[in-house]
Amino acid sequence: MVIVEFNVIPLGAGVSVSKFLVPALKELEKRKVKYEITPMCTIFEARNMAEALNMVGAAHEAIFEADVKRVVTTIRIDDRRDKEGSMEEKVKSLKTRLEEKKIC
């Protein structure tokens, strides 16, 4: 499982950009990608690197289709191949360890 964090920034589109980001999220939904929105980025799961990069590319292109002339996209990828994992499992593991520290 590949977990991807990406941030798409439409430049020259004004101060509020949420309306320009909707097409990128619609691309993920169209492809039935499990994703989470945060205040600063979007995180999703993919089966492999090729799929992950394809998804980010589709989201990036969708912003241009919203009539934006310049887009900056940043990507962080967690590609762990020694065991299967998910976004939820990573969070659960961290929360479990945090609770263990509170007990001590």
C-alpha atoms as a PDB file:
ATOM      1  CA  MET A   1       0.000   0.000   0.000  1.00  0.00           C
ATOM      2  CA  VAL A   2       1.246   3.458  -0.914  1.00  0.00           C
ATOM      3  CA  ILE A   3       0.020   6.398   1.133  1.00  0.00           C
ATOM      4  CA  VAL A   4       0.250   9.755  -0.602  1.00  0.00           C
ATOM      5  CA  GLU A   5      -0.016  13.245   0.820  1.00  0.00           C
ATOM      6  CA  PHE A   6      -0.388  15.923  -1.797  1.00  0.00           C
ATOM      7  CA  ASN A   7      -1.134  19.595  -1.940  1.00  0.00           C
ATOM      8  CA  VAL A   8      -2.352  21.389  -5.052  1.00  0.00           C
ATOM      9  CA  ILE A   9      -2.001  25.159  -5.140  1.00  0.00           C
ATOM     10  CA  PRO A  10      -3.747  27.082  -7.920  1.00  0.00           C
ATOM     11  CA  LEU A  11      -1.725  30.268  -8.450  1.00  0.00           C
ATOM     12  CA  GLY A  12      -3.319  33.511  -9.521  1.00  0.00           C
ATOM     13  CA  ALA A  13      -6.779  32.241  -8.587  1.00  0.00           C
ATOM     14  CA  GLY A  14      -7.345  34.611  -5.675  1.00  0.00           C
ATOM     15  CA  VAL A  15      -7.248  34.211  -1.924  1.00  0.00           C
ATOM     16  CA  SER A  16      -9.974  31.569  -1.567  1.00  0.00           C
ATOM     17  CA  VAL A  17      -9.120  28.527  -3.674  1.00  0.00           C
ATOM     18  CA  SER A  18     -11.494  25.804  -2.445  1.00  0.00           C
ATOM     19  CA  LYS A  19     -13.707  26.080  -5.522  1.00  0.00           C
ATOM     20  CA  PHE A  20     -10.685  25.284  -7.692  1.00  0.00           C
ATOM     21  CA  LEU A  21      -9.771  22.234  -5.615  1.00  0.00           C
ATOM     22  CA  VAL A  22     -13.141  20.522  -5.995  1.00  0.00           C
ATOM     23  CA  PRO A  23     -12.324  19.187  -9.496  1.00  0.00           C
ATOM     24  CA  ALA A  24      -9.171  17.517  -8.119  1.00  0.00           C
ATOM     25  CA  LEU A  25     -11.179  15.734  -5.421  1.00  0.00           C
ATOM     26  CA  LYS A  26     -13.816  14.754  -7.960  1.00  0.00           C
ATOM     27  CA  GLU A  27     -11.049  13.006  -9.913  1.00  0.00           C
ATOM     28  CA  LEU A  28     -10.210  10.909  -6.842  1.00  0.00           C
ATOM     29  CA  GLU A  29     -13.882  10.102  -6.286  1.00  0.00           C
ATOM     30  CA  LYS A  30     -14.341   9.152  -9.919  1.00  0.00           C
ATOM     31  CA  ARG A  31     -11.483   6.662  -9.527  1.00  0.00           C
ATOM     32  CA  LYS A  32     -12.961   5.355  -6.235  1.00  0.00           C
ATOM     33  CA  VAL A  33      -9.882   6.370  -4.245  1.00  0.00           C
ATOM     34  CA  LYS A  34     -10.072   6.318  -0.461  1.00  0.00           C
ATOM     35  CA  TYR A  35      -8.931   9.771   0.649  1.00  0.00           C
ATOM     36  CA  GLU A  36      -8.960  12.207   3.555  1.00  0.00           C
ATOM     37  CA  ILE A  37      -9.030  15.981   3.371  1.00  0.00           C
ATOM     38  CA  THR A  38      -7.073  17.995   5.930  1.00  0.00           C
ATOM     39  CA  PRO A  39      -6.871  21.778   6.239  1.00  0.00           C
ATOM     40  CA  MET A  40      -3.531  21.742   4.400  1.00  0.00           C
ATOM     41  CA  CYS A  41      -3.542  18.717   2.083  1.00  0.00           C
ATOM     42  CA  THR A  42      -5.249  15.584   0.824  1.00  0.00           C
ATOM     43  CA  ILE A  43      -4.106  12.070   1.728  1.00  0.00           C
ATOM     44  CA  PHE A  44      -5.035   8.926  -0.182  1.00  0.00           C
ATOM     45  CA  GLU A  45      -4.115   5.279  -0.596  1.00  0.00           C
ATOM     46  CA  ALA A  46      -3.000   3.572  -3.779  1.00  0.00           C
ATOM     47  CA  ARG A  47      -1.986   0.000  -4.581  1.00  0.00           C
ATOM     48  CA  ASN A  48       1.387   0.978  -6.051  1.00  0.00           C
ATOM     49  CA  MET A  49       3.554   3.910  -7.149  1.00  0.00           C
ATOM     50  CA  ALA A  50       2.242   3.964 -10.697  1.00  0.00           C
ATOM     51  CA  GLU A  51      -1.336   4.261  -9.479  1.00  0.00           C
ATOM     52  CA  ALA A  52      -0.352   6.899  -6.912  1.00  0.00           C
ATOM     53  CA  LEU A  53       1.390   9.100  -9.462  1.00  0.00           C
ATOM     54  CA  ASN A  54      -1.460   8.639 -11.923  1.00  0.00           C
ATOM     55  CA  MET A  55      -3.937   9.872  -9.294  1.00  0.00           C
ATOM     56  CA  VAL A  56      -1.859  12.932  -8.441  1.00  0.00           C
ATOM     57  CA  GLY A  57      -1.417  13.702 -12.132  1.00  0.00           C
ATOM     58  CA  ALA A  58      -5.163  13.499 -12.722  1.00  0.00           C
ATOM     59  CA  ALA A  59      -5.868  15.795  -9.762  1.00  0.00           C
ATOM     60  CA  HIS A  60      -3.216  18.248 -10.960  1.00  0.00           C
ATOM     61  CA  GLU A  61      -4.671  18.344 -14.489  1.00  0.00           C
ATOM     62  CA  ALA A  62      -8.205  18.803 -13.135  1.00  0.00           C
ATOM     63  CA  ILE A  63      -7.167  22.163 -11.653  1.00  0.00           C
ATOM     64  CA  PHE A  64      -6.131  23.390 -15.110  1.00  0.00           C
ATOM     65  CA  GLU A  65      -9.499  22.313 -16.447  1.00  0.00           C
ATOM     66  CA  ALA A  66     -11.038  24.704 -13.884  1.00  0.00           C
ATOM     67  CA  ASP A  67      -9.438  27.526 -15.925  1.00  0.00           C
ATOM     68  CA  VAL A  68      -6.425  28.054 -13.669  1.00  0.00           C
ATOM     69  CA  LYS A  69      -3.285  29.062 -15.573  1.00  0.00           C
ATOM     70  CA  ARG A  70      -0.621  27.921 -13.100  1.00  0.00           C
ATOM     71  CA  VAL A  71      -0.614  25.063 -10.567  1.00  0.00           C
ATOM     72  CA  VAL A  72       1.991  23.971  -8.027  1.00  0.00           C
ATOM     73  CA  THR A  73       1.647  20.428  -6.661  1.00  0.00           C
ATOM     74  CA  THR A  74       3.737  18.941  -3.861  1.00  0.00           C
ATOM     75  CA  ILE A  75       3.786  15.227  -3.054  1.00  0.00           C
ATOM     76  CA  ARG A  76       4.981  13.099  -0.126  1.00  0.00           C
ATOM     77  CA  ILE A  77       4.866   9.341  -0.517  1.00  0.00           C
ATOM     78  CA  ASP A  78       5.023   6.569   2.080  1.00  0.00           C
ATOM     79  CA  ASP A  79       5.801   3.389   0.136  1.00  0.00           C
ATOM     80  CA  ARG A  80       6.240   0.531   2.601  1.00  0.00           C
ATOM     81  CA  ARG A  81       6.750  -2.879   1.038  1.00  0.00           C
ATOM     82  CA  ASP A  82       7.544  -5.148   3.975  1.00  0.00           C
ATOM     83  CA  LYS A  83       3.929  -5.278   5.180  1.00  0.00           C
ATOM     84  CA  GLU A  84       0.441  -4.150   4.239  1.00  0.00           C
ATOM     85  CA  GLY A  85      -0.936  -1.061   5.944  1.00  0.00           C
ATOM     86  CA  SER A  86      -3.528   1.659   5.617  1.00  0.00           C
ATOM     87  CA  MET A  87      -4.036   5.255   6.645  1.00  0.00           C
ATOM     88  CA  GLU A  88      -6.273   4.129   9.517  1.00  0.00           C
ATOM     89  CA  GLU A  89      -3.755   1.577  10.772  1.00  0.00           C
ATOM     90  CA  LYS A  90      -0.988   4.178  10.880  1.00  0.00           C
ATOM     91  CA  VAL A  91      -3.148   6.542  12.940  1.00  0.00           C
ATOM     92  CA  LYS A  92      -4.344   3.743  15.205  1.00  0.00           C
ATOM     93  CA  SER A  93      -0.765   2.640  15.883  1.00  0.00           C
ATOM     94  CA  LEU A  94       0.252   6.166  16.824  1.00  0.00           C
ATOM     95  CA  LYS A  95      -2.759   6.660  19.101  1.00  0.00           C
ATOM     96  CA  THR A  96      -2.097   3.334  20.828  1.00  0.00           C
ATOM     97  CA  ARG A  97       1.499   4.321  21.536  1.00  0.00           C
ATOM     98  CA  LEU A  98       0.366   7.725  22.753  1.00  0.00           C
ATOM     99  CA  GLU A  99      -2.047   6.114  25.216  1.00  0.00           C
ATOM    100  CA  GLU A 100       0.712   3.766  26.426  1.00  0.00           C
ATOM    101  CA  LYS A 101       2.861   6.810  27.276  1.00  0.00           C
ATOM    102  CA  LYS A 102       0.017   8.385  29.294  1.00  0.00           C
ATOM    103  CA  ILE A 103      -0.202   5.321  31.525  1.00  0.00           C
ATOM    104  CA  CYS A 104       3.463   5.384  32.482  1.00  0.00           C
END
